[in-house]
N, C-alpha and C. Protein backbone atom coordinates (compact mmCIF):
# COMPACT_ATOMS: atom_id res chain seq x y z
N MET A 1 0.83 -1.14 -0.01
CA MET A 1 0.04 -0.04 0.05
C MET A 1 0.87 1.29 -0.02
N ARG A 2 1.72 1.43 0.99
CA ARG A 2 2.66 2.57 1.05
C ARG A 2 4.04 2.02 1.44
N PRO A 3 4.65 1.39 0.46
CA PRO A 3 5.95 0.70 0.85
C PRO A 3 7.07 1.65 1.37
N TYR A 4 7.13 2.82 0.81
CA TYR A 4 8.21 3.75 1.20
C TYR A 4 8.00 4.19 2.64
N TYR A 5 6.72 4.35 3.06
CA TYR A 5 6.41 4.71 4.42
C TYR A 5 6.82 3.59 5.37
N ALA A 6 6.43 2.42 5.06
CA ALA A 6 6.73 1.25 5.82
C ALA A 6 8.23 1.00 6.00
N GLU A 7 8.93 1.05 4.88
CA GLU A 7 10.38 0.83 4.93
C GLU A 7 11.10 1.94 5.70
N GLY A 8 10.68 3.24 5.49
CA GLY A 8 11.23 4.33 6.11
C GLY A 8 10.92 4.35 7.55
N SER A 9 9.86 3.89 8.00
CA SER A 9 9.59 3.83 9.46
C SER A 9 10.51 2.92 10.17
N LYS A 10 10.94 1.98 9.64
CA LYS A 10 11.90 1.01 10.27
C LYS A 10 13.14 1.68 10.64
N THR A 11 13.53 2.74 9.95
CA THR A 11 14.86 3.41 10.21
C THR A 11 14.84 4.09 11.59
N VAL A 12 13.68 4.28 12.22
CA VAL A 12 13.63 4.78 13.58
C VAL A 12 14.33 3.77 14.50
N ALA A 13 14.12 2.51 14.31
CA ALA A 13 14.73 1.48 15.16
C ALA A 13 16.29 1.50 14.80
N TYR A 14 16.64 1.65 13.63
CA TYR A 14 18.10 1.70 13.28
C TYR A 14 18.78 2.86 13.94
N GLU A 15 18.11 4.03 13.95
CA GLU A 15 18.71 5.18 14.64
C GLU A 15 18.81 5.02 16.15
N ILE A 16 17.78 4.41 16.73
CA ILE A 16 17.86 4.10 18.17
C ILE A 16 19.02 3.20 18.41
N ALA A 17 19.14 2.11 17.70
CA ALA A 17 20.33 1.16 17.93
C ALA A 17 21.62 1.88 17.77
N GLU A 18 21.79 2.68 16.72
CA GLU A 18 23.00 3.44 16.46
C GLU A 18 23.33 4.33 17.66
N GLN A 19 22.38 5.11 18.13
CA GLN A 19 22.60 6.08 19.18
C GLN A 19 22.91 5.38 20.47
N LEU A 20 22.50 4.17 20.68
CA LEU A 20 22.76 3.40 21.92
C LEU A 20 24.09 2.51 21.78
N GLY A 21 24.89 2.90 20.76
CA GLY A 21 26.18 2.11 20.55
C GLY A 21 25.92 0.65 20.10
N TRP A 22 24.85 0.46 19.24
CA TRP A 22 24.51 -0.79 18.71
C TRP A 22 24.10 -1.79 19.75
N GLU A 23 23.40 -1.24 20.72
CA GLU A 23 22.74 -2.08 21.76
C GLU A 23 21.26 -1.91 21.63
N LEU A 24 20.51 -2.93 22.08
CA LEU A 24 19.08 -2.81 22.09
C LEU A 24 18.62 -2.13 23.32
N PRO A 25 17.51 -1.34 23.30
CA PRO A 25 17.01 -0.75 24.57
C PRO A 25 16.27 -1.85 25.21
N ASP A 26 16.03 -1.60 26.52
CA ASP A 26 15.15 -2.58 27.23
C ASP A 26 13.73 -2.40 26.87
N ARG A 27 13.33 -1.07 26.54
CA ARG A 27 11.88 -0.81 26.27
C ARG A 27 11.89 0.28 25.21
N CYS A 28 10.88 0.34 24.49
CA CYS A 28 10.64 1.41 23.44
C CYS A 28 9.14 1.86 23.52
N VAL A 29 8.99 3.14 23.70
CA VAL A 29 7.70 3.76 23.85
C VAL A 29 7.43 4.45 22.60
N VAL A 30 6.32 4.11 21.85
CA VAL A 30 6.06 4.62 20.52
C VAL A 30 4.72 5.29 20.50
N PRO A 31 4.54 6.40 19.77
CA PRO A 31 3.18 6.94 19.63
C PRO A 31 2.39 6.05 18.73
N ILE A 32 1.08 5.83 19.18
CA ILE A 32 0.28 4.83 18.50
C ILE A 32 -0.32 5.36 17.22
N ALA A 33 -1.17 6.40 17.25
CA ALA A 33 -1.92 6.84 16.01
C ALA A 33 -2.55 5.70 15.30
N SER A 34 -2.08 5.33 14.12
CA SER A 34 -2.75 4.19 13.44
C SER A 34 -2.14 2.85 13.80
N GLY A 35 -1.00 2.89 14.51
CA GLY A 35 -0.34 1.63 14.90
C GLY A 35 0.72 1.22 13.97
N SER A 36 0.84 1.90 12.81
CA SER A 36 1.84 1.44 11.77
C SER A 36 3.26 1.74 12.19
N LEU A 37 3.57 2.82 12.87
CA LEU A 37 4.90 3.14 13.33
C LEU A 37 5.32 2.18 14.35
N TYR A 38 4.43 1.82 15.21
CA TYR A 38 4.68 0.88 16.33
C TYR A 38 5.12 -0.48 15.83
N THR A 39 4.44 -1.01 14.83
CA THR A 39 4.86 -2.27 14.31
C THR A 39 6.09 -2.20 13.41
N LYS A 40 6.29 -1.05 12.75
CA LYS A 40 7.46 -1.05 11.91
C LYS A 40 8.74 -0.88 12.69
N ILE A 41 8.71 -0.18 13.83
CA ILE A 41 9.91 -0.09 14.68
C ILE A 41 10.26 -1.38 15.29
N ALA A 42 9.27 -2.18 15.70
CA ALA A 42 9.60 -3.50 16.18
C ALA A 42 10.14 -4.35 15.06
N LYS A 43 9.62 -4.29 13.87
CA LYS A 43 10.13 -5.01 12.73
C LYS A 43 11.62 -4.59 12.37
N GLY A 44 11.91 -3.28 12.52
CA GLY A 44 13.28 -2.80 12.23
C GLY A 44 14.22 -3.43 13.23
N PHE A 45 13.89 -3.53 14.52
CA PHE A 45 14.73 -4.18 15.55
C PHE A 45 14.94 -5.57 15.17
N GLN A 46 13.86 -6.24 14.77
CA GLN A 46 13.91 -7.72 14.47
C GLN A 46 14.84 -7.95 13.26
N GLU A 47 14.71 -7.15 12.29
CA GLU A 47 15.55 -7.34 11.09
C GLU A 47 17.07 -7.17 11.40
N PHE A 48 17.47 -6.21 12.28
CA PHE A 48 18.82 -6.19 12.67
C PHE A 48 19.30 -7.33 13.50
N ILE A 49 18.40 -7.92 14.33
CA ILE A 49 18.68 -9.11 15.05
C ILE A 49 18.88 -10.37 14.13
N ASP A 50 17.95 -10.44 13.07
CA ASP A 50 18.01 -11.56 12.21
C ASP A 50 19.29 -11.59 11.36
N VAL A 51 19.85 -10.41 11.01
CA VAL A 51 21.06 -10.38 10.21
C VAL A 51 22.29 -10.35 11.08
N GLY A 52 22.18 -10.36 12.40
CA GLY A 52 23.27 -10.47 13.22
C GLY A 52 23.88 -9.18 13.63
N LEU A 53 23.24 -8.02 13.33
CA LEU A 53 23.90 -6.73 13.68
C LEU A 53 23.57 -6.31 15.20
N LEU A 54 22.56 -6.96 15.81
CA LEU A 54 22.21 -6.74 17.13
C LEU A 54 22.00 -8.07 17.82
N ASP A 55 22.35 -8.21 19.10
CA ASP A 55 22.17 -9.37 19.83
C ASP A 55 21.08 -9.25 20.82
N GLY A 56 20.17 -10.28 21.05
CA GLY A 56 19.15 -10.11 22.00
C GLY A 56 17.77 -10.36 21.40
N ASP A 57 16.79 -9.79 22.09
CA ASP A 57 15.47 -9.92 21.67
C ASP A 57 14.82 -8.50 21.40
N VAL A 58 13.81 -8.43 20.60
CA VAL A 58 13.12 -7.18 20.35
C VAL A 58 12.79 -6.58 21.70
N PRO A 59 13.05 -5.20 21.97
CA PRO A 59 12.67 -4.66 23.22
C PRO A 59 11.26 -4.80 23.50
N THR A 60 10.85 -4.62 24.79
CA THR A 60 9.52 -4.52 25.11
C THR A 60 8.88 -3.33 24.49
N MET A 61 7.81 -3.49 23.73
CA MET A 61 7.29 -2.36 23.03
C MET A 61 5.98 -1.86 23.76
N ASN A 62 5.95 -0.59 23.97
CA ASN A 62 4.82 0.04 24.60
C ASN A 62 4.29 1.19 23.64
N GLY A 63 2.97 1.30 23.52
CA GLY A 63 2.34 2.40 22.79
C GLY A 63 1.87 3.46 23.65
N ALA A 64 1.97 4.66 23.21
CA ALA A 64 1.39 5.84 23.96
C ALA A 64 0.44 6.63 23.07
N GLN A 65 -0.52 7.22 23.68
CA GLN A 65 -1.54 7.92 22.95
C GLN A 65 -1.87 9.21 23.78
N ALA A 66 -2.08 10.38 23.08
CA ALA A 66 -2.42 11.62 23.70
C ALA A 66 -3.80 11.47 24.40
N THR A 67 -3.93 11.99 25.59
CA THR A 67 -5.09 11.80 26.40
C THR A 67 -6.42 12.19 25.62
N ALA A 68 -6.29 13.33 24.84
CA ALA A 68 -7.50 13.80 24.12
C ALA A 68 -7.82 13.08 22.87
N ALA A 69 -6.88 12.18 22.43
CA ALA A 69 -7.03 11.48 21.17
C ALA A 69 -8.10 10.32 21.22
N ARG A 70 -8.70 10.12 20.12
CA ARG A 70 -9.67 9.04 20.02
C ARG A 70 -9.01 7.74 20.25
N ARG A 71 -9.55 6.84 21.02
CA ARG A 71 -8.90 5.50 21.35
C ARG A 71 -8.57 4.76 20.08
N SER A 72 -7.33 4.22 20.10
CA SER A 72 -6.87 3.29 19.05
C SER A 72 -7.60 1.88 19.12
N ARG A 73 -7.88 1.54 20.39
CA ARG A 73 -8.58 0.24 20.66
C ARG A 73 -9.31 0.34 22.05
N SER A 74 -10.13 -0.62 22.37
CA SER A 74 -10.83 -0.60 23.54
C SER A 74 -9.89 -1.07 24.68
N PRO A 75 -10.19 -0.69 25.97
CA PRO A 75 -9.42 -1.20 27.04
C PRO A 75 -9.17 -2.63 27.01
N THR A 76 -8.09 -3.14 27.44
CA THR A 76 -7.76 -4.52 27.36
C THR A 76 -8.19 -5.33 28.62
N ARG A 77 -8.58 -4.66 29.65
CA ARG A 77 -8.97 -5.33 30.90
C ARG A 77 -10.53 -5.14 30.98
N PRO A 78 -11.27 -6.28 31.14
CA PRO A 78 -12.72 -6.22 31.20
C PRO A 78 -13.13 -5.38 32.44
N GLY A 79 -14.21 -4.60 32.30
CA GLY A 79 -14.70 -3.73 33.42
C GLY A 79 -14.03 -2.45 33.67
N THR A 80 -13.00 -2.05 32.80
CA THR A 80 -12.32 -0.86 32.98
C THR A 80 -12.71 0.14 32.01
N THR A 81 -12.57 1.47 32.29
CA THR A 81 -12.88 2.50 31.40
C THR A 81 -11.62 3.12 30.74
N SER A 82 -10.40 2.70 31.15
CA SER A 82 -9.21 3.16 30.61
C SER A 82 -8.19 1.99 30.47
N ALA A 83 -7.41 2.08 29.53
CA ALA A 83 -6.36 0.96 29.40
C ALA A 83 -5.25 1.23 30.35
N GLY A 84 -5.05 2.49 30.79
CA GLY A 84 -4.12 2.82 31.79
C GLY A 84 -2.65 2.49 31.50
N PRO A 85 -1.74 2.82 32.44
CA PRO A 85 -0.34 2.62 32.22
C PRO A 85 -0.02 1.07 32.41
């Protein structure tokens, strides 16, 4: 659909790894919006792991969303009104 956007978004993971001295972070917090950036950053880390440029596992991925933004998805816990931290 938008291959240049998808491939370009993965470079965020590459930049993070480079700035950390080619180490994986423990956790990565990504703005959600449509969710595309979130998945592409995780994929970027995985690709570097797959080719042997980084050691370890994909960092724990967390999504963040502005308080006033429309929800990306419903709360994950039954009976709650907010997904919370």
